[in-house]
Amino acid sequence: MEYASIAAVAIYSILFVAMVVIILTTIIFNIKAGVKYRKNIARQLDQLRMSKMLRALGIDTTQYLHQERISEINMQMNRCNECQNTDQCDEDMATGNIDPGNISYCNNEESLKAIAEKQKQVD
């Protein structure tokens, strides 16, 4: 009976260690995949006017990419990409005449106002 107990404890210990290794490996893989995915989103964002709009509103892009949900970022990027008010947007950004209360033409007006306010509270 003593050998059976020792064998059982040894088997459970090996299984426990294997489970911990698998869980840690999965966590590390997911973190790396998340970083890679966010870098890809950052590259896509940088190709849109929205990137310039974020900077013009004083919104830190890195902080934005890490605090906002990816689904929201994708939705905002799609809205920006489909925008028909590009002339007004370009003009305001060129003149520096941008603040969250003065972007009613922007498809992301509500979102950008909320993000700008949230980042001001954090700073």
PDB file of N, CA and C in Angstrom:
ATOM      1  N   MET A   1       0.821  -1.192   0.000  1.00  0.00           N
ATOM      2  CA  MET A   1       0.000   0.000   0.000  1.00  0.00           C
ATOM      3  C   MET A   1       0.864   1.254   0.000  1.00  0.00           C
ATOM      4  N   GLU A   2       1.981   1.246   0.655  1.00  0.00           N
ATOM      5  CA  GLU A   2       2.850   2.406   0.736  1.00  0.00           C
ATOM      6  C   GLU A   2       3.425   2.760  -0.622  1.00  0.00           C
ATOM      7  N   TYR A   3       3.805   1.760  -1.416  1.00  0.00           N
ATOM      8  CA  TYR A   3       4.350   2.011  -2.747  1.00  0.00           C
ATOM      9  C   TYR A   3       3.280   2.576  -3.684  1.00  0.00           C
ATOM     10  N   ALA A   4       2.072   2.113  -3.540  1.00  0.00           N
ATOM     11  CA  ALA A   4       0.973   2.609  -4.375  1.00  0.00           C
ATOM     12  C   ALA A   4       0.694   4.078  -4.075  1.00  0.00           C
ATOM     13  N   SER A   5       0.760   4.455  -2.814  1.00  0.00           N
ATOM     14  CA  SER A   5       0.541   5.856  -2.432  1.00  0.00           C
ATOM     15  C   SER A   5       1.645   6.746  -2.966  1.00  0.00           C
ATOM     16  N   ILE A   6       2.857   6.279  -2.863  1.00  0.00           N
ATOM     17  CA  ILE A   6       4.002   7.053  -3.367  1.00  0.00           C
ATOM     18  C   ILE A   6       3.900   7.202  -4.886  1.00  0.00           C
ATOM     19  N   ALA A   7       3.524   6.126  -5.573  1.00  0.00           N
ATOM     20  CA  ALA A   7       3.388   6.161  -7.028  1.00  0.00           C
ATOM     21  C   ALA A   7       2.267   7.127  -7.430  1.00  0.00           C
ATOM     22  N   ALA A   8       1.157   7.091  -6.704  1.00  0.00           N
ATOM     23  CA  ALA A   8       0.037   7.976  -7.002  1.00  0.00           C
ATOM     24  C   ALA A   8       0.428   9.437  -6.810  1.00  0.00           C
ATOM     25  N   VAL A   9       1.126   9.741  -5.722  1.00  0.00           N
ATOM     26  CA  VAL A   9       1.584  11.110  -5.456  1.00  0.00           C
ATOM     27  C   VAL A   9       2.557  11.549  -6.540  1.00  0.00           C
ATOM     28  N   ALA A  10       3.449  10.668  -6.957  1.00  0.00           N
ATOM     29  CA  ALA A  10       4.419  10.992  -8.009  1.00  0.00           C
ATOM     30  C   ALA A  10       3.698  11.287  -9.326  1.00  0.00           C
ATOM     31  N   ILE A  11       2.727  10.463  -9.684  1.00  0.00           N
ATOM     32  CA  ILE A  11       1.969  10.673 -10.928  1.00  0.00           C
ATOM     33  C   ILE A  11       1.206  11.989 -10.874  1.00  0.00           C
ATOM     34  N   TYR A  12       0.532  12.266  -9.765  1.00  0.00           N
ATOM     35  CA  TYR A  12      -0.199  13.534  -9.620  1.00  0.00           C
ATOM     36  C   TYR A  12       0.741  14.731  -9.665  1.00  0.00           C
ATOM     37  N   SER A  13       1.915  14.572  -9.079  1.00  0.00           N
ATOM     38  CA  SER A  13       2.904  15.662  -9.104  1.00  0.00           C
ATOM     39  C   SER A  13       3.369  15.937 -10.524  1.00  0.00           C
ATOM     40  N   ILE A  14       3.638  14.882 -11.279  1.00  0.00           N
ATOM     41  CA  ILE A  14       4.077  15.033 -12.671  1.00  0.00           C
ATOM     42  C   ILE A  14       2.963  15.686 -13.493  1.00  0.00           C
ATOM     43  N   LEU A  15       1.742  15.238 -13.309  1.00  0.00           N
ATOM     44  CA  LEU A  15       0.608  15.831 -14.024  1.00  0.00           C
ATOM     45  C   LEU A  15       0.420  17.299 -13.660  1.00  0.00           C
ATOM     46  N   PHE A  16       0.576  17.624 -12.388  1.00  0.00           N
ATOM     47  CA  PHE A  16       0.440  19.006 -11.941  1.00  0.00           C
ATOM     48  C   PHE A  16       1.508  19.890 -12.579  1.00  0.00           C
ATOM     49  N   VAL A  17       2.759  19.436 -12.575  1.00  0.00           N
ATOM     50  CA  VAL A  17       3.849  20.205 -13.170  1.00  0.00           C
ATOM     51  C   VAL A  17       3.610  20.367 -14.671  1.00  0.00           C
ATOM     52  N   ALA A  18       3.165  19.312 -15.342  1.00  0.00           N
ATOM     53  CA  ALA A  18       2.879  19.392 -16.774  1.00  0.00           C
ATOM     54  C   ALA A  18       1.772  20.405 -17.042  1.00  0.00           C
ATOM     55  N   MET A  19       0.740  20.395 -16.220  1.00  0.00           N
ATOM     56  CA  MET A  19      -0.362  21.334 -16.387  1.00  0.00           C
ATOM     57  C   MET A  19       0.121  22.771 -16.196  1.00  0.00           C
ATOM     58  N   VAL A  20       0.945  23.023 -15.210  1.00  0.00           N
ATOM     59  CA  VAL A  20       1.475  24.365 -14.963  1.00  0.00           C
ATOM     60  C   VAL A  20       2.312  24.822 -16.151  1.00  0.00           C
ATOM     61  N   VAL A  21       3.143  23.938 -16.690  1.00  0.00           N
ATOM     62  CA  VAL A  21       3.982  24.281 -17.844  1.00  0.00           C
ATOM     63  C   VAL A  21       3.106  24.605 -19.051  1.00  0.00           C
ATOM     64  N   ILE A  22       2.081  23.812 -19.289  1.00  0.00           N
ATOM     65  CA  ILE A  22       1.182  24.053 -20.423  1.00  0.00           C
ATOM     66  C   ILE A  22       0.451  25.384 -20.256  1.00  0.00           C
ATOM     67  N   ILE A  23      -0.024  25.660 -19.076  1.00  0.00           N
ATOM     68  CA  ILE A  23      -0.741  26.923 -18.830  1.00  0.00           C
ATOM     69  C   ILE A  23       0.191  28.116 -19.026  1.00  0.00           C
ATOM     70  N   LEU A  24       1.397  28.055 -18.477  1.00  0.00           N
ATOM     71  CA  LEU A  24       2.346  29.160 -18.641  1.00  0.00           C
ATOM     72  C   LEU A  24       2.737  29.351 -20.102  1.00  0.00           C
ATOM     73  N   THR A  25       2.940  28.270 -20.822  1.00  0.00           N
ATOM     74  CA  THR A  25       3.272  28.356 -22.241  1.00  0.00           C
ATOM     75  C   THR A  25       2.137  29.009 -23.023  1.00  0.00           C
ATOM     76  N   THR A  26       0.909  28.625 -22.709  1.00  0.00           N
ATOM     77  CA  THR A  26      -0.263  29.204 -23.377  1.00  0.00           C
ATOM     78  C   THR A  26      -0.385  30.695 -23.077  1.00  0.00           C
ATOM     79  N   ILE A  27      -0.153  31.075 -21.843  1.00  0.00           N
ATOM     80  CA  ILE A  27      -0.223  32.494 -21.466  1.00  0.00           C
ATOM     81  C   ILE A  27       0.827  33.298 -22.225  1.00  0.00           C
ATOM     82  N   ILE A  28       2.043  32.801 -22.280  1.00  0.00           N
ATOM     83  CA  ILE A  28       3.121  33.503 -22.982  1.00  0.00           C
ATOM     84  C   ILE A  28       2.797  33.616 -24.472  1.00  0.00           C
ATOM     85  N   PHE A  29       2.302  32.530 -25.065  1.00  0.00           N
ATOM     86  CA  PHE A  29       1.923  32.549 -26.475  1.00  0.00           C
ATOM     87  C   PHE A  29       0.841  33.595 -26.727  1.00  0.00           C
ATOM     88  N   ASN A  30      -0.166  33.644 -25.868  1.00  0.00           N
ATOM     89  CA  ASN A  30      -1.266  34.599 -26.041  1.00  0.00           C
ATOM     90  C   ASN A  30      -0.797  36.039 -25.881  1.00  0.00           C
ATOM     91  N   ILE A  31       0.117  36.279 -24.964  1.00  0.00           N
ATOM     92  CA  ILE A  31       0.661  37.633 -24.791  1.00  0.00           C
ATOM     93  C   ILE A  31       1.409  38.056 -26.047  1.00  0.00           C
ATOM     94  N   LYS A  32       2.240  37.166 -26.568  1.00  0.00           N
ATOM     95  CA  LYS A  32       2.991  37.486 -27.791  1.00  0.00           C
ATOM     96  C   LYS A  32       2.048  37.706 -28.970  1.00  0.00           C
ATOM     97  N   ALA A  33       1.021  36.888 -29.087  1.00  0.00           N
ATOM     98  CA  ALA A  33       0.049  37.044 -30.176  1.00  0.00           C
ATOM     99  C   ALA A  33      -0.693  38.362 -30.038  1.00  0.00           C
ATOM    100  N   GLY A  34      -1.036  38.748 -28.811  1.00  0.00           N
ATOM    101  CA  GLY A  34      -1.726  40.009 -28.568  1.00  0.00           C
ATOM    102  C   GLY A  34      -0.870  41.206 -28.935  1.00  0.00           C
ATOM    103  N   VAL A  35       0.409  41.157 -28.583  1.00  0.00           N
ATOM    104  CA  VAL A  35       1.323  42.245 -28.923  1.00  0.00           C
ATOM    105  C   VAL A  35       1.448  42.359 -30.440  1.00  0.00           C
ATOM    106  N   LYS A  36       1.594  41.229 -31.106  1.00  0.00           N
ATOM    107  CA  LYS A  36       1.708  41.223 -32.568  1.00  0.00           C
ATOM    108  C   LYS A  36       0.432  41.779 -33.208  1.00  0.00           C
ATOM    109  N   TYR A  37      -0.712  41.380 -32.684  1.00  0.00           N
ATOM    110  CA  TYR A  37      -1.992  41.842 -33.219  1.00  0.00           C
ATOM    111  C   TYR A  37      -2.146  43.349 -33.034  1.00  0.00           C
ATOM    112  N   ARG A  38      -1.797  43.859 -31.859  1.00  0.00           N
ATOM    113  CA  ARG A  38      -1.910  45.299 -31.606  1.00  0.00           C
ATOM    114  C   ARG A  38      -0.933  46.096 -32.476  1.00  0.00           C
ATOM    115  N   LYS A  39       0.240  45.544 -32.758  1.00  0.00           N
ATOM    116  CA  LYS A  39       1.177  46.222 -33.664  1.00  0.00           C
ATOM    117  C   LYS A  39       0.579  46.310 -35.061  1.00  0.00           C
ATOM    118  N   ASN A  40      -0.094  45.254 -35.479  1.00  0.00           N
ATOM    119  CA  ASN A  40      -0.745  45.257 -36.782  1.00  0.00           C
ATOM    120  C   ASN A  40      -1.867  46.301 -36.815  1.00  0.00           C
ATOM    121  N   ILE A  41      -2.648  46.368 -35.745  1.00  0.00           N
ATOM    122  CA  ILE A  41      -3.709  47.383 -35.651  1.00  0.00           C
ATOM    123  C   ILE A  41      -3.093  48.783 -35.691  1.00  0.00           C
ATOM    124  N   ALA A  42      -1.965  48.968 -35.014  1.00  0.00           N
ATOM    125  CA  ALA A  42      -1.297  50.277 -35.002  1.00  0.00           C
ATOM    126  C   ALA A  42      -0.852  50.665 -36.410  1.00  0.00           C
ATOM    127  N   ARG A  43      -0.344  49.703 -37.178  1.00  0.00           N
ATOM    128  CA  ARG A  43       0.053  49.995 -38.564  1.00  0.00           C
ATOM    129  C   ARG A  43      -1.158  50.382 -39.405  1.00  0.00           C
ATOM    130  N   GLN A  44      -2.254  49.671 -39.228  1.00  0.00           N
ATOM    131  CA  GLN A  44      -3.475  49.992 -39.967  1.00  0.00           C
ATOM    132  C   GLN A  44      -3.989  51.377 -39.582  1.00  0.00           C
ATOM    133  N   LEU A  45      -3.966  51.670 -38.290  1.00  0.00           N
ATOM    134  CA  LEU A  45      -4.439  52.964 -37.795  1.00  0.00           C
ATOM    135  C   LEU A  45      -3.591  54.093 -38.354  1.00  0.00           C
ATOM    136  N   ASP A  46      -2.290  53.866 -38.438  1.00  0.00           N
ATOM    137  CA  ASP A  46      -1.375  54.896 -38.904  1.00  0.00           C
ATOM    138  C   ASP A  46      -1.647  55.292 -40.354  1.00  0.00           C
ATOM    139  N   GLN A  47      -2.301  54.422 -41.111  1.00  0.00           N
ATOM    140  CA  GLN A  47      -2.607  54.708 -42.509  1.00  0.00           C
ATOM    141  C   GLN A  47      -3.900  55.512 -42.666  1.00  0.00           C
ATOM    142  N   LEU A  48      -4.622  55.718 -41.585  1.00  0.00           N
ATOM    143  CA  LEU A  48      -5.889  56.451 -41.646  1.00  0.00           C
ATOM    144  C   LEU A  48      -5.740  57.871 -41.101  1.00  0.00           C
ATOM    145  N   ARG A  49      -6.663  58.743 -41.471  1.00  0.00           N
ATOM    146  CA  ARG A  49      -6.722  60.092 -40.911  1.00  0.00           C
ATOM    147  C   ARG A  49      -6.924  60.041 -39.404  1.00  0.00           C
ATOM    148  N   MET A  50      -7.549  58.964 -38.965  1.00  0.00           N
ATOM    149  CA  MET A  50      -7.853  58.843 -37.544  1.00  0.00           C
ATOM    150  C   MET A  50      -6.605  58.953 -36.672  1.00  0.00           C
ATOM    151  N   SER A  51      -5.498  58.452 -37.166  1.00  0.00           N
ATOM    152  CA  SER A  51      -4.247  58.559 -36.424  1.00  0.00           C
ATOM    153  C   SER A  51      -3.874  60.024 -36.200  1.00  0.00           C
ATOM    154  N   LYS A  52      -4.008  60.826 -37.268  1.00  0.00           N
ATOM    155  CA  LYS A  52      -3.726  62.266 -37.157  1.00  0.00           C
ATOM    156  C   LYS A  52      -4.743  62.949 -36.250  1.00  0.00           C
ATOM    157  N   MET A  53      -5.993  62.505 -36.346  1.00  0.00           N
ATOM    158  CA  MET A  53      -7.059  63.077 -35.514  1.00  0.00           C
ATOM    159  C   MET A  53      -6.781  62.804 -34.038  1.00  0.00           C
ATOM    160  N   LEU A  54      -6.360  61.587 -33.722  1.00  0.00           N
ATOM    161  CA  LEU A  54      -6.042  61.260 -32.330  1.00  0.00           C
ATOM    162  C   LEU A  54      -4.951  62.186 -31.804  1.00  0.00           C
ATOM    163  N   ARG A  55      -3.890  62.338 -32.588  1.00  0.00           N
ATOM    164  CA  ARG A  55      -2.783  63.217 -32.161  1.00  0.00           C
ATOM    165  C   ARG A  55      -3.257  64.663 -32.035  1.00  0.00           C
ATOM    166  N   ALA A  56      -4.072  65.111 -32.989  1.00  0.00           N
ATOM    167  CA  ALA A  56      -4.563  66.497 -32.960  1.00  0.00           C
ATOM    168  C   ALA A  56      -5.415  66.759 -31.721  1.00  0.00           C
ATOM    169  N   LEU A  57      -6.123  65.735 -31.256  1.00  0.00           N
ATOM    170  CA  LEU A  57      -6.966  65.878 -30.061  1.00  0.00           C
ATOM    171  C   LEU A  57      -6.182  65.637 -28.776  1.00  0.00           C
ATOM    172  N   GLY A  58      -4.893  65.350 -28.902  1.00  0.00           N
ATOM    173  CA  GLY A  58      -4.065  65.122 -27.720  1.00  0.00           C
ATOM    174  C   GLY A  58      -4.243  63.731 -27.129  1.00  0.00           C
ATOM    175  N   ILE A  59      -4.744  62.802 -27.923  1.00  0.00           N
ATOM    176  CA  ILE A  59      -4.947  61.431 -27.454  1.00  0.00           C
ATOM    177  C   ILE A  59      -3.699  60.631 -27.777  1.00  0.00           C
ATOM    178  N   ASP A  60      -3.102  60.040 -26.761  1.00  0.00           N
ATOM    179  CA  ASP A  60      -1.913  59.219 -26.937  1.00  0.00           C
ATOM    180  C   ASP A  60      -2.307  57.922 -27.655  1.00  0.00           C
ATOM    181  N   THR A  61      -1.734  57.697 -28.821  1.00  0.00           N
ATOM    182  CA  THR A  61      -2.103  56.552 -29.648  1.00  0.00           C
ATOM    183  C   THR A  61      -1.777  55.234 -28.964  1.00  0.00           C
ATOM    184  N   THR A  62      -0.625  55.144 -28.344  1.00  0.00           N
ATOM    185  CA  THR A  62      -0.244  53.907 -27.663  1.00  0.00           C
ATOM    186  C   THR A  62      -1.215  53.607 -26.529  1.00  0.00           C
ATOM    187  N   GLN A  63      -1.525  54.607 -25.756  1.00  0.00           N
ATOM    188  CA  GLN A  63      -2.479  54.437 -24.656  1.00  0.00           C
ATOM    189  C   GLN A  63      -3.857  54.056 -25.213  1.00  0.00           C
ATOM    190  N   TYR A  64      -4.250  54.691 -26.293  1.00  0.00           N
ATOM    191  CA  TYR A  64      -5.523  54.394 -26.946  1.00  0.00           C
ATOM    192  C   TYR A  64      -5.581  52.922 -27.351  1.00  0.00           C
ATOM    193  N   LEU A  65      -4.517  52.432 -27.985  1.00  0.00           N
ATOM    194  CA  LEU A  65      -4.494  51.050 -28.462  1.00  0.00           C
ATOM    195  C   LEU A  65      -4.510  50.032 -27.324  1.00  0.00           C
ATOM    196  N   HIS A  66      -4.034  50.429 -26.153  1.00  0.00           N
ATOM    197  CA  HIS A  66      -3.997  49.488 -25.036  1.00  0.00           C
ATOM    198  C   HIS A  66      -5.212  49.588 -24.122  1.00  0.00           C
ATOM    199  N   GLN A  67      -5.911  50.715 -24.154  1.00  0.00           N
ATOM    200  CA  GLN A  67      -7.051  50.879 -23.252  1.00  0.00           C
ATOM    201  C   GLN A  67      -8.393  50.565 -23.906  1.00  0.00           C
ATOM    202  N   GLU A  68      -8.489  50.774 -25.190  1.00  0.00           N
ATOM    203  CA  GLU A  68      -9.759  50.551 -25.875  1.00  0.00           C
ATOM    204  C   GLU A  68      -9.865  49.094 -26.320  1.00  0.00           C
ATOM    205  N   ARG A  69     -11.084  48.604 -26.378  1.00  0.00           N
ATOM    206  CA  ARG A  69     -11.305  47.242 -26.859  1.00  0.00           C
ATOM    207  C   ARG A  69     -11.018  47.196 -28.360  1.00  0.00           C
ATOM    208  N   ILE A  70     -10.439  46.097 -28.796  1.00  0.00           N
ATOM    209  CA  ILE A  70     -10.084  45.931 -30.201  1.00  0.00           C
ATOM    210  C   ILE A  70     -11.315  46.068 -31.096  1.00  0.00           C
ATOM    211  N   SER A  71     -12.448  45.532 -30.650  1.00  0.00           N
ATOM    212  CA  SER A  71     -13.665  45.634 -31.463  1.00  0.00           C
ATOM    213  C   SER A  71     -14.061  47.098 -31.654  1.00  0.00           C
ATOM    214  N   GLU A  72     -13.892  47.919 -30.611  1.00  0.00           N
ATOM    215  CA  GLU A  72     -14.198  49.352 -30.721  1.00  0.00           C
ATOM    216  C   GLU A  72     -13.211  50.050 -31.656  1.00  0.00           C
ATOM    217  N   ILE A  73     -11.946  49.706 -31.532  1.00  0.00           N
ATOM    218  CA  ILE A  73     -10.925  50.309 -32.399  1.00  0.00           C
ATOM    219  C   ILE A  73     -11.226  49.975 -33.855  1.00  0.00           C
ATOM    220  N   ASN A  74     -11.536  48.711 -34.124  1.00  0.00           N
ATOM    221  CA  ASN A  74     -11.854  48.307 -35.499  1.00  0.00           C
ATOM    222  C   ASN A  74     -13.082  49.053 -36.022  1.00  0.00           C
ATOM    223  N   MET A  75     -14.099  49.192 -35.184  1.00  0.00           N
ATOM    224  CA  MET A  75     -15.309  49.906 -35.588  1.00  0.00           C
ATOM    225  C   MET A  75     -14.981  51.377 -35.896  1.00  0.00           C
ATOM    226  N   GLN A  76     -14.178  52.007 -35.042  1.00  0.00           N
ATOM    227  CA  GLN A  76     -13.804  53.400 -35.255  1.00  0.00           C
ATOM    228  C   GLN A  76     -12.958  53.558 -36.518  1.00  0.00           C
ATOM    229  N   MET A  77     -12.059  52.612 -36.755  1.00  0.00           N
ATOM    230  CA  MET A  77     -11.242  52.663 -37.967  1.00  0.00           C
ATOM    231  C   MET A  77     -12.116  52.507 -39.213  1.00  0.00           C
ATOM    232  N   ASN A  78     -13.089  51.628 -39.150  1.00  0.00           N
ATOM    233  CA  ASN A  78     -14.008  51.450 -40.285  1.00  0.00           C
ATOM    234  C   ASN A  78     -14.823  52.717 -40.532  1.00  0.00           C
ATOM    235  N   ARG A  79     -15.303  53.330 -39.451  1.00  0.00           N
ATOM    236  CA  ARG A  79     -16.057  54.583 -39.603  1.00  0.00           C
ATOM    237  C   ARG A  79     -15.197  55.661 -40.244  1.00  0.00           C
ATOM    238  N   CYS A  80     -13.945  55.739 -39.819  1.00  0.00           N
ATOM    239  CA  CYS A  80     -13.025  56.742 -40.373  1.00  0.00           C
ATOM    240  C   CYS A  80     -12.766  56.450 -41.850  1.00  0.00           C
ATOM    241  N   ASN A  81     -12.551  55.203 -42.158  1.00  0.00           N
ATOM    242  CA  ASN A  81     -12.261  54.810 -43.539  1.00  0.00           C
ATOM    243  C   ASN A  81     -13.435  55.102 -44.473  1.00  0.00           C
ATOM    244  N   GLU A  82     -14.652  55.020 -43.956  1.00  0.00           N
ATOM    245  CA  GLU A  82     -15.848  55.237 -44.770  1.00  0.00           C
ATOM    246  C   GLU A  82     -16.331  56.694 -44.750  1.00  0.00           C
ATOM    247  N   CYS A  83     -15.620  57.562 -44.076  1.00  0.00           N
ATOM    248  CA  CYS A  83     -16.052  58.945 -43.893  1.00  0.00           C
ATOM    249  C   CYS A  83     -16.116  59.709 -45.222  1.00  0.00           C
ATOM    250  N   GLN A  84     -17.122  60.538 -45.327  1.00  0.00           N
ATOM    251  CA  GLN A  84     -17.308  61.371 -46.513  1.00  0.00           C
ATOM    252  C   GLN A  84     -16.887  62.828 -46.247  1.00  0.00           C
ATOM    253  N   ASN A  85     -16.463  63.122 -45.031  1.00  0.00           N
ATOM    254  CA  ASN A  85     -16.122  64.499 -44.640  1.00  0.00           C
ATOM    255  C   ASN A  85     -14.608  64.719 -44.586  1.00  0.00           C
ATOM    256  N   THR A  86     -13.891  64.100 -45.491  1.00  0.00           N
ATOM    257  CA  THR A  86     -12.431  64.157 -45.446  1.00  0.00           C
ATOM    258  C   THR A  86     -11.882  65.559 -45.704  1.00  0.00           C
ATOM    259  N   ASP A  87     -12.566  66.336 -46.540  1.00  0.00           N
ATOM    260  CA  ASP A  87     -12.080  67.692 -46.826  1.00  0.00           C
ATOM    261  C   ASP A  87     -12.085  68.542 -45.558  1.00  0.00           C
ATOM    262  N   GLN A  88     -13.190  68.496 -44.807  1.00  0.00           N
ATOM    263  CA  GLN A  88     -13.301  69.259 -43.556  1.00  0.00           C
ATOM    264  C   GLN A  88     -12.257  68.766 -42.551  1.00  0.00           C
ATOM    265  N   CYS A  89     -12.100  67.469 -42.475  1.00  0.00           N
ATOM    266  CA  CYS A  89     -11.140  66.872 -41.548  1.00  0.00           C
ATOM    267  C   CYS A  89      -9.719  67.336 -41.884  1.00  0.00           C
ATOM    268  N   ASP A  90      -9.342  67.209 -43.151  1.00  0.00           N
ATOM    269  CA  ASP A  90      -7.998  67.621 -43.579  1.00  0.00           C
ATOM    270  C   ASP A  90      -7.762  69.106 -43.331  1.00  0.00           C
ATOM    271  N   GLU A  91      -8.763  69.907 -43.612  1.00  0.00           N
ATOM    272  CA  GLU A  91      -8.631  71.355 -43.431  1.00  0.00           C
ATOM    273  C   GLU A  91      -8.423  71.701 -41.955  1.00  0.00           C
ATOM    274  N   ASP A  92      -9.239  71.119 -41.094  1.00  0.00           N
ATOM    275  CA  ASP A  92      -9.108  71.406 -39.664  1.00  0.00           C
ATOM    276  C   ASP A  92      -7.774  70.922 -39.103  1.00  0.00           C
ATOM    277  N   MET A  93      -7.332  69.769 -39.552  1.00  0.00           N
ATOM    278  CA  MET A  93      -6.038  69.269 -39.057  1.00  0.00           C
ATOM    279  C   MET A  93      -4.891  70.122 -39.576  1.00  0.00           C
ATOM    280  N   ALA A  94      -5.003  70.611 -40.806  1.00  0.00           N
ATOM    281  CA  ALA A  94      -3.953  71.460 -41.379  1.00  0.00           C
ATOM    282  C   ALA A  94      -3.849  72.785 -40.645  1.00  0.00           C
ATOM    283  N   THR A  95      -5.000  73.331 -40.222  1.00  0.00           N
ATOM    284  CA  THR A  95      -4.989  74.619 -39.520  1.00  0.00           C
ATOM    285  C   THR A  95      -4.812  74.466 -38.019  1.00  0.00           C
ATOM    286  N   GLY A  96      -4.900  73.235 -37.530  1.00  0.00           N
ATOM    287  CA  GLY A  96      -4.775  73.006 -36.092  1.00  0.00           C
ATOM    288  C   GLY A  96      -6.026  73.383 -35.333  1.00  0.00           C
ATOM    289  N   ASN A  97      -7.132  73.512 -36.033  1.00  0.00           N
ATOM    290  CA  ASN A  97      -8.401  73.944 -35.443  1.00  0.00           C
ATOM    291  C   ASN A  97      -9.225  72.735 -34.986  1.00  0.00           C
ATOM    292  N   ILE A  98      -8.626  71.915 -34.130  1.00  0.00           N
ATOM    293  CA  ILE A  98      -9.326  70.702 -33.712  1.00  0.00           C
ATOM    294  C   ILE A  98      -9.374  70.635 -32.193  1.00  0.00           C
ATOM    295  N   ASP A  99     -10.574  70.416 -31.692  1.00  0.00           N
ATOM    296  CA  ASP A  99     -10.770  70.078 -30.290  1.00  0.00           C
ATOM    297  C   ASP A  99     -11.981  69.156 -30.241  1.00  0.00           C
ATOM    298  N   PRO A 100     -12.119  68.368 -29.186  1.00  0.00           N
ATOM    299  CA  PRO A 100     -13.214  67.386 -29.144  1.00  0.00           C
ATOM    300  C   PRO A 100     -14.605  67.992 -29.311  1.00  0.00           C
ATOM    301  N   GLY A 101     -14.782  69.248 -28.939  1.00  0.00           N
ATOM    302  CA  GLY A 101     -16.083  69.880 -29.064  1.00  0.00           C
ATOM    303  C   GLY A 101     -16.348  70.461 -30.447  1.00  0.00           C
ATOM    304  N   ASN A 102     -15.366  70.343 -31.348  1.00  0.00           N
ATOM    305  CA  ASN A 102     -15.479  70.989 -32.650  1.00  0.00           C
ATOM    306  C   ASN A 102     -15.273  70.001 -33.804  1.00  0.00           C
ATOM    307  N   ILE A 103     -15.753  68.768 -33.625  1.00  0.00           N
ATOM    308  CA  ILE A 103     -15.572  67.770 -34.678  1.00  0.00           C
ATOM    309  C   ILE A 103     -16.904  67.099 -35.030  1.00  0.00           C
ATOM    310  N   SER A 104     -17.946  67.887 -35.137  1.00  0.00           N
ATOM    311  CA  SER A 104     -19.275  67.335 -35.403  1.00  0.00           C
ATOM    312  C   SER A 104     -19.352  66.616 -36.751  1.00  0.00           C
ATOM    313  N   TYR A 105     -18.438  66.916 -37.656  1.00  0.00           N
ATOM    314  CA  TYR A 105     -18.401  66.268 -38.964  1.00  0.00           C
ATOM    315  C   TYR A 105     -17.798  64.860 -38.908  1.00  0.00           C
ATOM    316  N   CYS A 106     -17.153  64.535 -37.810  1.00  0.00           N
ATOM    317  CA  CYS A 106     -16.416  63.266 -37.684  1.00  0.00           C
ATOM    318  C   CYS A 106     -17.361  62.113 -37.334  1.00  0.00           C
ATOM    319  N   ASN A 107     -17.206  61.003 -38.036  1.00  0.00           N
ATOM    320  CA  ASN A 107     -18.014  59.815 -37.762  1.00  0.00           C
ATOM    321  C   ASN A 107     -17.728  59.227 -36.373  1.00  0.00           C
ATOM    322  N   ASN A 108     -16.592  59.568 -35.798  1.00  0.00           N
ATOM    323  CA  ASN A 108     -16.195  59.054 -34.486  1.00  0.00           C
ATOM    324  C   ASN A 108     -16.295  60.117 -33.392  1.00  0.00           C
ATOM    325  N   GLU A 109     -17.086  61.138 -33.622  1.00  0.00           N
ATOM    326  CA  GLU A 109     -17.161  62.271 -32.693  1.00  0.00           C
ATOM    327  C   GLU A 109     -17.397  61.827 -31.255  1.00  0.00           C
ATOM    328  N   GLU A 110     -18.443  61.054 -31.015  1.00  0.00           N
ATOM    329  CA  GLU A 110     -18.775  60.648 -29.646  1.00  0.00           C
ATOM    330  C   GLU A 110     -17.653  59.832 -29.019  1.00  0.00           C
ATOM    331  N   SER A 111     -17.126  58.879 -29.766  1.00  0.00           N
ATOM    332  CA  SER A 111     -16.050  58.030 -29.248  1.00  0.00           C
ATOM    333  C   SER A 111     -14.810  58.847 -28.924  1.00  0.00           C
ATOM    334  N   LEU A 112     -14.425  59.718 -29.832  1.00  0.00           N
ATOM    335  CA  LEU A 112     -13.214  60.513 -29.625  1.00  0.00           C
ATOM    336  C   LEU A 112     -13.357  61.473 -28.455  1.00  0.00           C
ATOM    337  N   LYS A 113     -14.542  62.064 -28.290  1.00  0.00           N
ATOM    338  CA  LYS A 113     -14.781  62.932 -27.130  1.00  0.00           C
ATOM    339  C   LYS A 113     -14.600  62.149 -25.833  1.00  0.00           C
ATOM    340  N   ALA A 114     -15.189  60.953 -25.777  1.00  0.00           N
ATOM    341  CA  ALA A 114     -15.101  60.127 -24.572  1.00  0.00           C
ATOM    342  C   ALA A 114     -13.655  59.695 -24.299  1.00  0.00           C
ATOM    343  N   ILE A 115     -12.922  59.340 -25.344  1.00  0.00           N
ATOM    344  CA  ILE A 115     -11.535  58.909 -25.173  1.00  0.00           C
ATOM    345  C   ILE A 115     -10.674  60.073 -24.711  1.00  0.00           C
ATOM    346  N   ALA A 116     -10.859  61.241 -25.322  1.00  0.00           N
ATOM    347  CA  ALA A 116     -10.087  62.422 -24.924  1.00  0.00           C
ATOM    348  C   ALA A 116     -10.356  62.775 -23.467  1.00  0.00           C
ATOM    349  N   GLU A 117     -11.612  62.719 -23.070  1.00  0.00           N
ATOM    350  CA  GLU A 117     -11.973  63.013 -21.680  1.00  0.00           C
ATOM    351  C   GLU A 117     -11.369  61.997 -20.721  1.00  0.00           C
ATOM    352  N   LYS A 118     -11.435  60.738 -21.094  1.00  0.00           N
ATOM    353  CA  LYS A 118     -10.894  59.673 -20.247  1.00  0.00           C
ATOM    354  C   LYS A 118      -9.382  59.846 -20.060  1.00  0.00           C
ATOM    355  N   GLN A 119      -8.674  60.188 -21.143  1.00  0.00           N
ATOM    356  CA  GLN A 119      -7.226  60.354 -21.034  1.00  0.00           C
ATOM    357  C   GLN A 119      -6.862  61.595 -20.232  1.00  0.00           C
ATOM    358  N   LYS A 120      -7.692  62.652 -20.299  1.00  0.00           N
ATOM    359  CA  LYS A 120      -7.431  63.844 -19.484  1.00  0.00           C
ATOM    360  C   LYS A 120      -7.557  63.521 -18.003  1.00  0.00           C
ATOM    361  N   GLN A 121      -8.532  62.685 -17.653  1.00  0.00           N
ATOM    362  CA  GLN A 121      -8.736  62.309 -16.253  1.00  0.00           C
ATOM    363  C   GLN A 121      -7.586  61.469 -15.717  1.00  0.00           C
ATOM    364  N   VAL A 122      -6.993  60.640 -16.587  1.00  0.00           N
ATOM    365  CA  VAL A 122      -5.888  59.786 -16.174  1.00  0.00           C
ATOM    366  C   VAL A 122      -4.626  60.625 -15.964  1.00  0.00           C
ATOM    367  N   ASP A 123      -4.419  61.616 -16.834  1.00  0.00           N
ATOM    368  CA  ASP A 123      -3.212  62.457 -16.749  1.00  0.00           C
ATOM    369  C   ASP A 123      -3.292  63.373 -15.610  1.00  0.00           C
TER     370      ASP A 123
END
